[in-house]
Protein backbone atom coordinates (compact mmCIF):
# COMPACT_ATOMS: atom_id res chain seq x y z
CA MET A 1 0.00 0.00 0.00
CA LEU A 2 1.19 3.52 -0.77
CA PRO A 3 1.25 5.93 2.19
CA ARG A 4 -1.74 8.24 2.09
CA ARG A 5 -2.40 11.57 3.76
CA ARG A 6 -5.54 13.65 3.72
CA GLY A 7 -5.57 17.11 2.21
CA ALA A 8 -1.79 17.72 2.23
CA LEU A 9 0.96 18.10 -0.27
CA VAL A 10 3.77 15.55 0.05
CA PRO A 11 7.20 16.88 -1.05
CA ASP A 12 9.16 14.97 -3.67
CA ALA A 13 11.86 12.92 -1.97
CA VAL A 14 14.48 13.80 -4.57
CA SER A 15 13.89 17.34 -5.71
CA GLY A 16 12.10 18.67 -2.65
CA ALA A 17 9.41 20.15 -4.88
CA ASP A 18 5.75 19.41 -4.43
CA ALA A 19 5.11 15.99 -5.91
CA PRO A 20 2.19 15.28 -8.21
CA LEU A 21 -0.86 14.19 -6.26
CA THR A 22 -3.46 11.55 -7.00
CA VAL A 23 -6.92 11.93 -5.52
CA VAL A 24 -8.71 8.66 -4.72
CA ALA A 25 -11.94 7.85 -3.01
CA ASP A 26 -11.89 6.35 0.50
CA SER A 27 -14.99 4.34 1.38
CA ALA A 28 -14.36 4.86 5.09
CA ALA A 29 -13.99 8.60 4.87
CA SER A 30 -16.21 11.46 3.79
CA GLU A 31 -13.45 13.36 2.02
CA PRO A 32 -11.01 12.45 -0.75
CA VAL A 33 -7.62 10.93 0.08
CA VAL A 34 -4.49 12.45 -1.47
CA VAL A 35 -1.79 9.96 -2.50
CA ALA A 36 1.82 11.12 -2.93
CA ASP A 37 3.53 10.37 -6.23
CA GLY A 38 7.20 11.17 -5.56
CA PHE A 39 10.05 9.21 -7.09
CA TRP A 40 10.68 7.03 -4.04
CA HIS A 41 7.06 5.90 -4.13
CA HIS A 42 7.75 4.20 -7.49
CA ARG A 43 9.33 1.22 -5.76
CA GLY A 44 8.56 -1.15 -8.61
CA LEU A 45 10.43 1.10 -11.07
CA ILE A 46 13.46 1.35 -8.78
CA ALA A 47 13.59 -2.40 -8.10
CA PHE A 48 13.14 -3.36 -11.74
CA SER A 49 15.75 -0.93 -13.09
CA ALA A 50 18.33 -1.75 -10.41
CA GLY A 51 17.69 -5.47 -10.80
CA CYS A 52 18.32 -5.38 -14.56
CA THR A 53 21.61 -3.49 -14.24
CA LEU A 54 22.70 -5.74 -11.38
CA VAL A 55 22.04 -8.90 -13.41
CA GLU A 56 23.86 -7.60 -16.51
CA ALA A 57 26.83 -6.51 -14.39
CA ALA A 58 27.05 -9.96 -12.76
CA VAL A 59 26.82 -11.75 -16.12
CA LEU A 60 29.40 -9.52 -17.86
CA THR A 61 31.81 -9.68 -14.93
CA ALA A 62 31.69 -13.47 -15.16
CA ILE A 63 31.83 -14.06 -18.93
CA ALA A 64 32.94 -10.76 -20.57
CA PRO A 65 34.87 -8.71 -18.00
CA ALA A 66 36.23 -6.27 -20.59
CA ALA A 67 32.63 -5.23 -21.44
CA LYS A 68 31.42 -4.70 -17.89
CA SER A 69 31.29 -0.90 -18.35
CA LEU A 70 28.17 -1.34 -20.50
CA ALA A 71 26.10 -2.86 -17.68
CA PRO A 72 24.56 0.41 -16.37
CA GLN A 73 23.10 1.12 -19.82
CA VAL A 74 20.70 -1.83 -20.00
CA THR A 75 17.90 0.33 -18.53
CA ALA A 76 19.11 3.61 -20.03
CA LEU A 77 16.76 6.14 -21.57
CA PRO A 78 15.48 5.07 -25.02
CA PRO A 79 18.16 6.38 -27.45
CA LEU A 80 21.13 5.37 -25.28
CA ALA A 81 19.54 1.98 -24.67
CA VAL A 82 19.24 1.38 -28.42
CA TYR A 83 22.95 2.18 -28.82
CA HIS A 84 23.70 -0.31 -26.02
CA ASP A 85 21.82 -3.05 -27.85
CA LEU A 86 23.13 -2.16 -31.31
CA ARG A 87 26.76 -2.63 -30.24
CA TRP A 88 26.06 -6.13 -28.97
CA LEU A 89 24.28 -6.91 -32.24
CA PHE A 90 27.18 -5.58 -34.34
CA GLY A 91 29.85 -7.27 -32.26
CA TYR A 92 28.40 -10.78 -32.13
CA ASN A 93 26.66 -11.75 -35.37
CA ARG A 94 27.96 -14.93 -37.02
CA SER A 95 25.70 -15.15 -40.08
CA TRP A 96 23.11 -13.08 -41.90
CA LEU A 97 20.38 -15.30 -40.47
CA GLU A 98 21.71 -14.81 -36.96
CA PHE A 99 21.93 -11.05 -37.58
CA ALA A 100 18.28 -10.98 -38.72
CA ALA A 101 17.24 -12.97 -35.66
CA GLY A 102 19.22 -10.55 -33.50
CA VAL A 103 17.37 -7.59 -35.01
CA VAL A 104 14.02 -9.22 -34.14
CA ILE A 105 15.16 -10.01 -30.61
CA LEU A 106 16.47 -6.47 -30.19
CA LEU A 107 13.19 -4.96 -31.36
CA LEU A 108 11.00 -7.19 -29.20
CA GLY A 109 13.23 -7.22 -26.12
CA ARG A 110 13.97 -3.51 -26.03
CA SER A 111 10.31 -2.63 -26.73
CA ALA A 112 9.15 -4.89 -23.90
CA LEU A 113 11.74 -3.45 -21.50
CA ASN A 114 10.83 0.13 -22.37
CA THR A 115 7.11 -0.63 -22.02
CA ILE A 116 7.65 -1.93 -18.49
CA LEU A 117 9.75 1.11 -17.56
CA VAL A 118 7.16 3.53 -19.00
CA GLN A 119 4.32 1.84 -17.11
CA LEU A 120 6.23 1.76 -13.83
CA SER A 121 7.42 5.39 -14.06
CA TRP A 122 4.27 7.05 -15.40
CA PRO A 123 2.81 9.77 -13.13
CA ARG A 124 -0.14 8.42 -11.17
CA ASP A 125 -2.25 11.52 -11.66
CA VAL A 126 -2.22 11.04 -15.43
CA ARG A 127 -3.74 8.07 -17.23
CA ALA A 128 -0.93 5.95 -18.64
CA PRO A 129 -1.09 4.79 -22.25
CA ARG A 130 -2.19 1.22 -22.78
CA PRO A 131 0.77 -1.22 -22.60
CA ALA A 132 0.00 -2.57 -26.07
CA LEU A 133 0.14 0.94 -27.53
CA THR A 134 3.37 1.75 -25.68
CA PHE A 135 4.89 -1.50 -26.94
CA ALA A 136 4.00 -0.70 -30.56
CA VAL A 137 5.26 2.87 -30.30
CA SER A 138 8.47 1.72 -28.62
CA MET A 139 9.05 -0.85 -31.36
CA ALA A 140 8.67 1.82 -34.03
CA PHE A 141 11.08 4.09 -32.19
CA THR A 142 13.65 1.32 -31.67
CA LEU A 143 13.60 0.58 -35.40
CA VAL A 144 13.98 4.26 -36.38
CA ALA A 145 16.68 4.98 -33.81
CA GLY A 146 18.54 1.78 -34.67
CA VAL A 147 18.69 2.68 -38.37
CA LEU A 148 19.88 6.21 -37.56
CA MET A 149 22.61 4.87 -35.27
CA VAL A 150 23.94 2.19 -37.63
CA PRO A 151 26.69 4.53 -38.97
CA ILE A 152 27.82 5.27 -35.40
CA ALA A 153 27.90 1.59 -34.44
CA THR A 154 29.79 0.88 -37.67
CA LEU A 155 32.39 3.55 -36.89
CA VAL A 156 32.89 2.15 -33.40
CA PHE A 157 33.21 -1.35 -34.84
CA GLY A 158 35.85 -0.02 -37.24
CA VAL A 159 37.74 1.55 -34.33
CA ALA A 160 37.89 -1.88 -32.68
CA VAL A 161 39.40 -3.29 -35.89
CA LEU A 162 41.82 -0.40 -36.51
CA PRO A 163 42.11 1.61 -33.27
CA PHE A 164 42.83 5.30 -33.70
CA SER A 165 40.98 8.20 -32.18
CA TRP A 166 39.62 10.31 -35.04
CA PRO A 167 36.61 8.09 -35.92
CA PHE A 168 35.77 7.62 -32.24
CA LEU A 169 36.04 11.35 -31.52
CA ALA A 170 33.61 11.92 -34.40
CA ALA A 171 31.18 9.13 -33.47
CA VAL A 172 30.58 9.91 -29.78
CA PRO A 173 29.56 13.60 -30.14
CA VAL A 174 27.25 12.64 -33.03
CA LEU A 175 25.75 9.92 -30.82
CA LEU A 176 24.97 12.44 -28.09
CA ALA A 177 23.65 14.96 -30.62
CA LEU A 178 21.36 12.28 -32.09
CA ALA A 179 20.15 11.22 -28.66
CA LEU A 180 18.94 14.73 -27.76
CA PRO A 181 16.07 15.09 -30.29
CA LEU A 182 15.19 11.42 -29.72
CA SER A 183 15.34 11.51 -25.93
CA HIS A 184 11.55 11.11 -25.55
CA GLY A 185 11.29 8.44 -28.23
CA GLY A 186 8.71 5.74 -27.69
CA VAL A 187 7.41 7.15 -24.41
CA SER A 188 4.29 8.72 -25.90
CA PRO A 189 2.48 7.93 -29.18
CA THR A 190 3.21 11.42 -30.53
CA TRP A 191 6.94 11.55 -29.76
CA TRP A 192 7.86 11.83 -33.45
CA ARG A 193 5.71 14.95 -33.99
CA ARG A 194 7.63 17.23 -31.65
CA LEU A 195 11.00 17.84 -30.11
CA PRO A 196 11.46 16.62 -26.54
CA PRO A 197 10.96 18.85 -23.51
CA LEU A 198 14.21 20.38 -22.28
CA ARG A 199 13.95 18.33 -19.10
CA ALA A 200 13.88 15.10 -21.09
CA ALA A 201 16.93 16.09 -23.14
CA GLY A 202 18.64 17.15 -19.93
CA TRP A 203 18.25 13.67 -18.47
CA VAL A 204 19.93 12.17 -21.54
CA VAL A 205 22.93 14.48 -21.03
CA VAL A 206 23.07 13.60 -17.33
CA CYS A 207 22.99 9.87 -18.11
CA PHE A 208 25.66 10.19 -20.81
CA PHE A 209 28.16 11.71 -18.39
CA GLU A 210 27.02 9.39 -15.60
CA TYR A 211 27.86 6.29 -17.67
CA SER A 212 31.25 7.75 -18.58
CA LEU A 213 32.10 8.40 -14.92
CA LEU A 214 30.76 5.01 -13.84
CA ALA A 215 33.02 3.35 -16.42
CA VAL A 216 36.02 4.96 -14.74
CA ALA A 217 34.96 3.43 -11.42
CA ILE A 218 33.88 0.04 -12.80
CA THR A 219 37.21 -0.61 -14.54
CA ARG A 220 38.98 -0.22 -11.18
CA LEU A 221 36.67 -2.06 -8.77
CA ALA A 222 36.55 -5.64 -7.54
CA PRO A 223 33.71 -7.74 -9.04
CA VAL A 224 31.48 -7.55 -5.96
CA TRP A 225 31.66 -3.76 -5.95
CA ILE A 226 30.99 -3.61 -9.68
CA VAL A 227 27.64 -5.29 -9.08
CA VAL A 228 26.85 -2.82 -6.28
CA VAL A 229 27.76 0.19 -8.41
CA ALA A 230 25.69 -1.16 -11.31
CA ALA A 231 22.68 -1.54 -9.02
CA LEU A 232 23.08 2.08 -7.87
CA ALA A 233 23.31 3.10 -11.53
CA GLY A 234 19.99 1.34 -12.03
CA VAL A 235 18.47 3.58 -9.36
CA VAL A 236 19.76 6.65 -11.22
CA ASN A 237 18.29 5.23 -14.43
CA ALA A 238 14.95 4.86 -12.66
CA ARG A 239 15.14 8.51 -11.60
CA ALA A 240 15.86 9.49 -15.20
CA TRP A 241 12.85 7.49 -16.42
CA TYR A 242 10.68 9.12 -13.75
CA GLY A 243 11.83 12.57 -14.86
CA LEU A 244 11.38 11.71 -18.54
CA THR A 245 7.83 10.41 -18.23
CA ALA A 246 6.86 13.32 -15.97
CA ALA A 247 8.05 15.73 -18.68
CA VAL A 248 6.30 13.84 -21.49
CA ALA A 249 3.06 12.92 -19.73
CA ARG A 250 1.64 16.43 -20.16
CA PRO A 251 2.69 17.32 -23.72
CA ALA A 252 2.29 20.76 -25.18
CA ARG A 253 -0.46 20.85 -27.73
CA VAL A 254 0.71 20.75 -31.36
CA ARG A 255 -0.70 23.84 -33.03
CA GLY A 256 -0.84 24.90 -36.64
CA HIS A 257 -2.13 23.40 -39.84
CA PRO A 258 -3.25 19.75 -39.52
CA LEU A 259 -0.69 18.70 -42.13
CA ILE A 260 2.12 20.37 -40.16
CA ALA A 261 1.14 18.33 -37.12
CA TRP A 262 2.03 15.17 -39.03
CA ILE A 263 5.59 16.23 -39.87
CA PRO A 264 8.07 13.83 -38.18
CA VAL A 265 9.95 16.61 -36.39
CA ALA A 266 12.16 14.46 -34.12
CA PRO A 267 13.43 12.05 -36.83
CA LEU A 268 14.04 14.96 -39.21
CA ALA A 269 16.08 16.74 -36.54
CA ALA A 270 18.18 13.58 -36.12
CA LEU A 271 18.67 13.29 -39.89
CA SER A 272 19.79 16.92 -39.97
CA ILE A 273 22.50 16.12 -37.42
CA ILE A 274 23.75 13.26 -39.60
CA ALA A 275 23.74 15.54 -42.66
CA LEU A 276 25.76 18.15 -40.75
CA ALA A 277 28.25 15.49 -39.70
CA VAL A 278 28.69 14.34 -43.32
CA GLY A 279 29.06 17.93 -44.52
CA GLY A 280 31.59 18.67 -41.81
CA THR A 281 33.60 15.58 -42.76
CA ARG A 282 33.76 16.67 -46.38
CA LEU A 283 34.79 20.19 -45.35
CA LEU A 284 37.60 18.85 -43.17
CA PHE A 285 38.86 16.66 -46.01
CA ASP A 286 38.82 19.65 -48.36
CA MET A 287 40.74 21.78 -45.87
CA ALA A 288 43.28 19.01 -45.24
CA ALA A 289 43.77 18.33 -48.93
CA GLY A 290 44.37 22.00 -49.76
CA SER A 291 44.41 23.36 -53.25
CA PRO A 292 45.81 21.45 -56.25
CA ARG A 293 48.66 23.93 -56.34
CA THR A 294 49.56 23.11 -52.72
CA GLY A 295 49.52 19.39 -53.46
CA LEU A 296 51.72 19.91 -56.54
CA ALA A 297 54.18 21.96 -54.51
CA ALA A 298 54.39 19.23 -51.87
CA ALA A 299 55.03 16.56 -54.50
CA SER A 300 57.67 18.72 -56.17
CA ALA A 301 59.34 19.33 -52.81
CA GLY A 302 59.40 15.58 -52.17
CA ILE A 303 61.01 14.86 -55.53
CA ALA A 304 63.56 17.64 -55.01
CA ALA A 305 64.39 16.32 -51.52
CA ALA A 306 64.91 12.81 -52.86
CA ALA A 307 67.11 14.07 -55.70
CA SER A 308 69.16 16.25 -53.36
CA GLN A 309 69.69 13.41 -50.93
CA ALA A 310 70.63 11.01 -53.73
CA SER A 311 73.23 13.44 -55.06
CA THR A 312 75.08 13.37 -51.74
CA LEU A 313 75.34 9.59 -51.73
CA THR A 314 77.68 8.95 -54.59
CA ALA A 315 79.86 7.04 -52.12
CA PRO A 316 78.64 4.37 -49.67
CA LEU A 317 76.61 5.75 -46.75
CA LYS A 318 79.18 4.50 -44.21
CA GLU A 319 81.60 7.17 -45.46
CA HIS A 320 79.11 9.96 -44.65
CA VAL A 321 77.73 9.03 -41.22
CA ARG A 322 79.14 7.47 -38.07
CA ARG A 323 75.82 6.89 -36.31
CA PRO A 324 73.05 4.42 -37.20
CA PRO A 325 70.79 5.76 -39.97
CA VAL A 326 67.15 6.52 -39.21
CA LEU A 327 64.22 5.40 -41.35
CA VAL A 328 61.09 7.53 -40.88
CA ILE A 329 57.82 5.78 -41.78
CA ALA A 330 54.95 8.28 -42.07
CA GLY A 331 51.29 7.33 -41.71
CA PHE A 332 48.21 6.99 -43.91
CA GLY A 333 47.78 9.74 -46.49
CA SER A 334 51.39 10.90 -46.25
CA THR A 335 53.60 11.92 -49.16
CA CYS A 336 57.24 11.17 -49.85
CA CYS A 337 59.86 12.34 -49.39
CA HIS A 338 59.90 15.39 -47.12
CA ALA A 339 58.29 14.12 -43.86
CA ALA A 340 61.76 13.29 -42.48
CA ARG A 341 62.97 16.89 -42.65
CA GLY A 342 61.74 17.83 -39.17
CA LEU A 343 63.76 15.11 -37.48
CA GLN A 344 66.77 15.91 -39.67
CA ARG A 345 66.65 19.55 -38.49
CA VAL A 346 66.61 18.67 -34.78
CA ALA A 347 69.23 15.93 -35.24
CA PRO A 348 71.67 17.25 -37.87
CA GLY A 349 74.27 14.59 -37.02
CA MET A 350 71.96 11.75 -38.07
CA PHE A 351 71.29 10.46 -41.55
CA VAL A 352 67.48 10.42 -41.85
CA GLU A 353 65.63 8.87 -44.77
CA GLN A 354 61.89 8.57 -45.33
CA PHE A 355 60.21 5.30 -46.20
CA SER A 356 58.27 5.25 -49.47
CA TYR A 357 55.09 3.20 -49.73
CA LEU A 358 55.97 2.70 -53.42
CA GLY A 359 59.34 1.16 -52.61
CA LEU A 360 62.84 1.98 -53.92
CA THR A 361 64.17 3.00 -57.30
CA ALA A 362 66.73 0.86 -59.16
CA GLY A 363 69.37 3.09 -57.54
CA GLY A 364 68.02 2.35 -54.04
CA ARG A 365 66.30 5.68 -53.39
CA PRO A 366 62.74 6.08 -52.05
CA ILE A 367 60.23 6.63 -54.86
CA PRO A 368 58.28 9.92 -54.46
CA GLN A 369 54.60 9.20 -53.78
CA GLY A 370 51.23 10.86 -53.32
CA PRO A 371 48.78 10.38 -50.41
CA ASP A 372 46.85 7.56 -52.09
CA ALA A 373 49.87 5.21 -52.13
CA SER A 374 49.50 4.35 -48.43
CA ASN A 375 46.45 2.10 -48.92
CA LEU A 376 48.54 -1.08 -48.70
CA SER A 377 48.00 -4.37 -46.96
CA ILE A 378 50.19 -4.53 -43.88
CA GLN A 379 51.85 -7.68 -45.23
CA GLU A 380 53.09 -5.75 -48.25
CA LEU A 381 53.93 -2.77 -46.06
CA GLY A 382 56.06 -4.90 -43.72
CA ASP A 383 57.91 -6.45 -46.64
CA ARG A 384 58.73 -3.05 -48.17
CA ILE A 385 59.93 -1.65 -44.85
CA ALA A 386 62.21 -4.69 -44.42
CA THR A 387 63.63 -4.15 -47.92
CA GLN A 388 64.45 -0.50 -47.24
CA VAL A 389 65.92 -1.32 -43.82
CA ARG A 390 68.21 -3.96 -45.34
CA HIS A 391 69.29 -1.50 -48.04
CA LEU A 392 70.20 1.16 -45.47
CA HIS A 393 72.01 -1.44 -43.39
CA ALA A 394 74.02 -2.58 -46.41
CA GLN A 395 74.95 1.03 -47.21
CA SER A 396 75.86 2.03 -43.64
CA GLY A 397 77.05 -1.19 -42.03
CA LYS A 398 74.99 -0.29 -38.96
CA PRO A 399 71.58 -1.38 -37.60
CA VAL A 400 68.79 0.97 -38.67
CA ASN A 401 66.74 2.98 -36.17
CA LEU A 402 63.02 3.22 -36.94
CA VAL A 403 60.64 6.13 -36.31
CA ALA A 404 57.15 5.02 -37.40
CA GLU A 405 53.91 6.99 -37.16
CA SER A 406 50.33 5.63 -37.14
CA GLU A 407 50.00 3.17 -40.05
CA GLY A 408 53.79 2.90 -39.99
CA SER A 409 53.54 1.15 -36.61
CA LEU A 410 51.40 -1.57 -38.24
CA GLY A 411 54.12 -1.97 -40.84
CA VAL A 412 56.69 -2.39 -38.07
CA TYR A 413 54.58 -5.16 -36.48
CA ALA A 414 54.32 -6.89 -39.86
CA MET A 415 58.04 -6.49 -40.53
CA PHE A 416 59.07 -8.08 -37.21
CA ALA A 417 56.49 -10.88 -37.63
CA ARG A 418 57.52 -11.69 -41.22
CA HIS A 419 61.24 -10.80 -41.08
CA PRO A 420 62.42 -11.56 -37.52
CA ASN A 421 66.12 -11.11 -38.32
CA VAL A 422 65.87 -7.67 -39.88
CA PRO A 423 68.82 -5.45 -38.74
CA VAL A 424 67.02 -2.89 -36.57
CA GLY A 425 68.40 -0.84 -33.69
CA SER A 426 66.05 1.38 -31.67
CA VAL A 427 62.33 1.72 -32.42
CA VAL A 428 60.15 4.78 -31.82
CA LEU A 429 56.41 4.56 -32.46
CA LEU A 430 54.49 7.85 -32.81
CA SER A 431 50.67 7.72 -32.59
CA PRO A 432 50.95 3.90 -32.67
CA ILE A 433 48.01 1.67 -33.52
CA VAL A 434 47.62 -0.19 -30.23
CA ALA A 435 45.78 -3.54 -30.03
CA PRO A 436 44.51 -3.87 -33.62
CA GLY A 437 41.94 -6.52 -34.48
CA GLN A 438 39.93 -6.55 -31.24
CA VAL A 439 36.93 -7.63 -33.35
CA SER A 440 36.92 -9.20 -36.81
CA PHE A 441 34.81 -9.87 -39.87
CA PRO A 442 35.01 -12.53 -42.60
CA ASP A 443 36.32 -12.00 -46.12
CA GLY A 444 33.84 -10.71 -48.68
CA GLY A 445 31.24 -13.27 -49.75
CA GLU A 446 31.83 -15.49 -46.72
CA GLU A 447 29.94 -15.82 -43.47
CA GLY A 448 31.40 -15.80 -39.98
CA GLN A 449 31.85 -13.66 -36.88
CA GLY A 450 30.91 -10.05 -37.71
CA VAL A 451 29.60 -10.68 -41.23
CA ALA A 452 26.98 -7.91 -41.12
CA SER A 453 29.31 -5.53 -39.28
CA GLY A 454 32.06 -6.10 -41.84
CA TYR A 455 29.68 -5.40 -44.71
CA ALA A 456 28.53 -2.16 -43.06
CA LEU A 457 32.15 -1.15 -42.44
CA SER A 458 33.01 -1.79 -46.09
CA MET A 459 30.10 0.40 -47.24
CA LEU A 460 31.06 3.16 -44.80
CA ASN A 461 34.69 3.03 -45.92
CA ARG A 462 33.61 3.47 -49.54
CA PHE A 463 31.34 6.36 -48.63
CA VAL A 464 34.02 8.16 -46.61
CA GLY A 465 36.58 7.36 -49.30
CA ALA A 466 34.37 9.05 -51.87
CA LEU A 467 34.34 12.18 -49.68
CA SER A 468 38.10 12.07 -49.14
CA PRO A 469 41.03 12.76 -51.49
CA PHE A 470 42.00 9.07 -51.34
CA GLY A 471 39.29 7.80 -53.67
CA GLU A 472 36.46 5.29 -53.23
CA ALA A 473 38.83 2.53 -52.10
CA GLY A 474 39.58 4.58 -48.97
CA ALA A 475 41.54 2.40 -46.57
CA GLY A 476 39.99 -0.85 -47.81
CA ARG A 477 43.18 -2.88 -48.31
CA LEU A 478 44.58 -1.68 -45.01
CA LEU A 479 41.36 -2.51 -43.12
CA ASP A 480 41.06 -5.98 -44.64
CA SER A 481 44.66 -6.89 -43.83
CA VAL A 482 44.52 -5.54 -40.27
CA ASN A 483 41.32 -7.50 -39.77
CA SER A 484 42.94 -10.74 -40.91
CA VAL A 485 46.46 -10.55 -39.43
CA GLY A 486 46.82 -7.31 -37.41
CA ALA A 487 46.23 -8.84 -33.99
CA ARG A 488 48.47 -11.81 -34.79
CA TYR A 489 51.34 -9.64 -35.98
CA ALA A 490 51.10 -7.35 -32.94
CA ALA A 491 51.07 -10.37 -30.63
CA ALA A 492 53.99 -11.99 -32.46
CA THR A 493 56.03 -8.80 -32.13
CA ALA A 494 55.28 -8.59 -28.40
CA GLU A 495 56.01 -12.27 -27.79
CA ARG A 496 59.25 -12.08 -29.72
CA GLY A 497 60.21 -9.20 -27.48
CA ILE A 498 61.89 -6.46 -29.44
CA SER A 499 65.45 -6.80 -28.23
CA GLN A 500 66.13 -3.24 -29.30
CA ARG A 501 65.28 -0.23 -27.18
CA TRP A 502 61.83 1.00 -28.08
CA LEU A 503 59.57 3.87 -27.14
CA ALA A 504 55.90 4.67 -27.87
CA LEU A 505 54.69 8.27 -27.80
CA VAL A 506 50.89 8.22 -27.67
CA PRO A 507 48.77 11.36 -28.20
CA LEU A 508 46.46 11.99 -25.27
CA ALA A 509 43.49 11.97 -27.67
CA ASP A 510 44.29 8.36 -28.61
CA ALA A 511 43.65 7.31 -25.01
CA VAL A 512 39.96 6.98 -25.92
CA THR A 513 40.82 3.90 -28.01
CA LEU A 514 43.25 2.28 -25.57
CA PRO A 515 42.15 -0.71 -23.50
CA ALA A 516 41.50 0.13 -19.87
CA CYS A 517 44.55 -1.55 -18.35
CA THR A 518 48.06 -0.74 -17.13
CA LEU A 519 50.36 -0.02 -20.06
CA PRO A 520 54.16 -0.60 -20.14
CA SER A 521 56.39 2.12 -18.71
CA ASN A 522 57.96 2.88 -22.09
CA VAL A 523 54.59 4.09 -23.35
CA LEU A 524 54.56 7.87 -22.83
CA PHE A 525 51.75 10.33 -23.49
CA VAL A 526 51.95 13.71 -25.19
CA PRO A 527 49.26 16.45 -25.36
CA ALA A 528 48.28 16.04 -29.00
CA PHE A 529 45.82 14.47 -31.45
CA HIS A 530 46.49 11.38 -33.55
CA GLY A 531 48.98 11.90 -36.36
CA GLY A 532 51.14 14.91 -37.02
CA LEU A 533 53.75 14.14 -34.37
CA LEU A 534 56.43 14.07 -37.06
CA GLY A 535 55.87 17.82 -37.31
CA ASP A 536 55.89 18.49 -33.55
CA HIS A 537 59.22 20.06 -32.54
CA ALA A 538 58.94 19.03 -28.87
CA VAL A 539 58.12 15.42 -29.79
CA LEU A 540 61.01 15.29 -32.25
CA GLY A 541 63.32 16.54 -29.50
CA THR A 542 62.21 13.60 -27.36
CA VAL A 543 62.81 11.24 -30.28
CA ARG A 544 66.32 12.61 -30.77
CA SER A 545 67.13 12.22 -27.07
CA PHE A 546 65.91 8.62 -27.13
CA LEU A 547 67.89 7.75 -30.26
CA ASP A 548 70.96 9.35 -28.65
CA GLY A 549 70.63 6.83 -25.82
CA ARG A 550 69.35 9.25 -23.21
CA ARG A 551 66.52 8.54 -20.83
CA VAL A 552 63.22 10.25 -21.69
CA SER A 553 60.09 10.81 -19.64
CA ALA A 554 56.72 12.54 -19.73
CA PRO A 555 54.60 14.22 -17.03
CA ARG A 556 52.91 11.72 -14.74
CA ASP A 557 49.63 13.64 -14.86
CA LEU A 558 49.35 12.92 -18.60
CA ARG A 559 49.43 9.17 -17.91
CA THR A 560 46.78 9.62 -15.22
CA ALA A 561 44.61 11.66 -17.59
CA ALA A 562 45.06 9.00 -20.29
CA GLU A 563 43.97 6.23 -17.91
CA ILE A 564 40.84 8.18 -16.96
CA LEU A 565 39.99 8.91 -20.61
CA SER A 566 40.50 5.29 -21.57
CA SER A 567 38.22 4.05 -18.80
CA ALA A 568 35.51 6.64 -19.53
CA ALA A 569 35.55 5.85 -23.24
CA ALA A 570 35.07 2.15 -22.51
CA ALA A 571 31.38 2.93 -21.90
CA TRP A 572 30.96 3.83 -25.60
CA ARG A 573 33.31 1.41 -27.38
CA MET A 574 32.52 -1.95 -28.94
CA PRO A 575 32.11 -4.64 -26.24
CA VAL A 576 34.83 -7.30 -26.20
CA ARG A 577 35.01 -10.28 -23.89
CA SER A 578 38.55 -9.80 -22.65
CA ALA A 579 41.17 -7.07 -22.76
CA PRO A 580 43.59 -7.45 -25.69
CA SER A 581 46.98 -8.89 -24.82
CA PRO A 582 49.17 -7.19 -25.89
CA PRO A 583 49.23 -4.54 -24.55
CA CYS A 584 47.33 -5.60 -21.42
CA PRO A 585 48.87 -8.21 -19.10
CA ALA A 586 47.65 -11.71 -19.94
């Protein structure tokens, strides 16, 4: 029985404001009885929400500990809950039939769960919609929201295959922006005809940051405390549902022409956000590509640099330098051969040569290349790096030091895995790709783990490639090869144990793609975004010091910030069953 008081307002237990009141008849009294409707009186809502998050936390802690940060989201508000389900669907489909069955289960299960939460949280002074109607409306919303969020889930799946921060940093803000106009989705039959109340959108923002903070705690707690924290998160979810339904239960009347009232305002607002994201991506590509004249000047500079360097090497390299030569391997979309100039300026006593994705000329010089040459399989990339390393070693008589950025780090993994005896000295990885291949997909035309996700990723790569200066192929060859052998090559390199001194300089922004675990001490963090470290004077100074044999370090607070970012981002990444090893301890 709910507590009842006669003729008095009962304050809300959470906000302190006057709670909604329900007036009921009392057969034993001559006056109406006022029933309080504060949040804490919705005990069924609180118990159900907390119970669901507790159960998911217990299950994930037991069978998929690396995905335990997702547990608080099982009873999230509608748009965030759809994203929770969609990631599980994208991560664990083994055939097209299984994917189709998963879609049906997602639609039915999420609609049933949302129907229960709506019924339990609905204000008692307002007639709740019939459960059957709520179920149908929730199913329609889940389908619409799921379709709108497919590109985001695909991006996040791609980040798990080829981990670097730019796609993730694009996907998460778009996710939150999409969730705002859809925050009231499925709660009322007319959700699609209007934008949500500010209070409803506010609860989505609160929950988004709550899940990020909870992920920081969950990745550091013992299993028993993870279950407790997840149950408390369920209580917060219940409060969010209570606030959402209270804001939606008394909708503002839709005015205007009858035809205007049937315009799907909320879905159109979400589509506008996607259109803005696509337009912004194209604009960024155009700005990065520059004018044709700029690109021609860069290519000419690369050819001139290669010719100038070749003219100084009429005699064997060993007669020109006394220190080990350095091979600089730039990342995806780079040109050759001027990216090594920055390091050459800060280390004038070193001989620095840039790796060419096109290989060497007959005279042994790097072939000048454009940005589209870097779409190589990592097998081919590793072989070409090994060839250039052996050539430099033959010319100098000394082991070759490597400085590899982004995609270049994948080439280094492939080189060590395929050519274990290559004559390498020290290794520096800038913006390295850490833990590639956390999820996988089958080759085209075949079925297997991630078949639907791989197809969606291929379509997205073609679409982004068409927007970019790299052409429709995009990074297709690179993605396919990383998917098939990236994890194996990285593991083989770690197991072999690079006998040389090595250092990884990771941009702080890339922490959002790192697994939430303790990383080796020779992984240092720098305040930067992914890529471009070959042009950072401070970073190049650190590289020079390391190659000179000196000890290098980075501020401790950057490592702490990176660990927090990595843990918080785990709430929004693709779920995996166990942390990748390497780099996490087995």
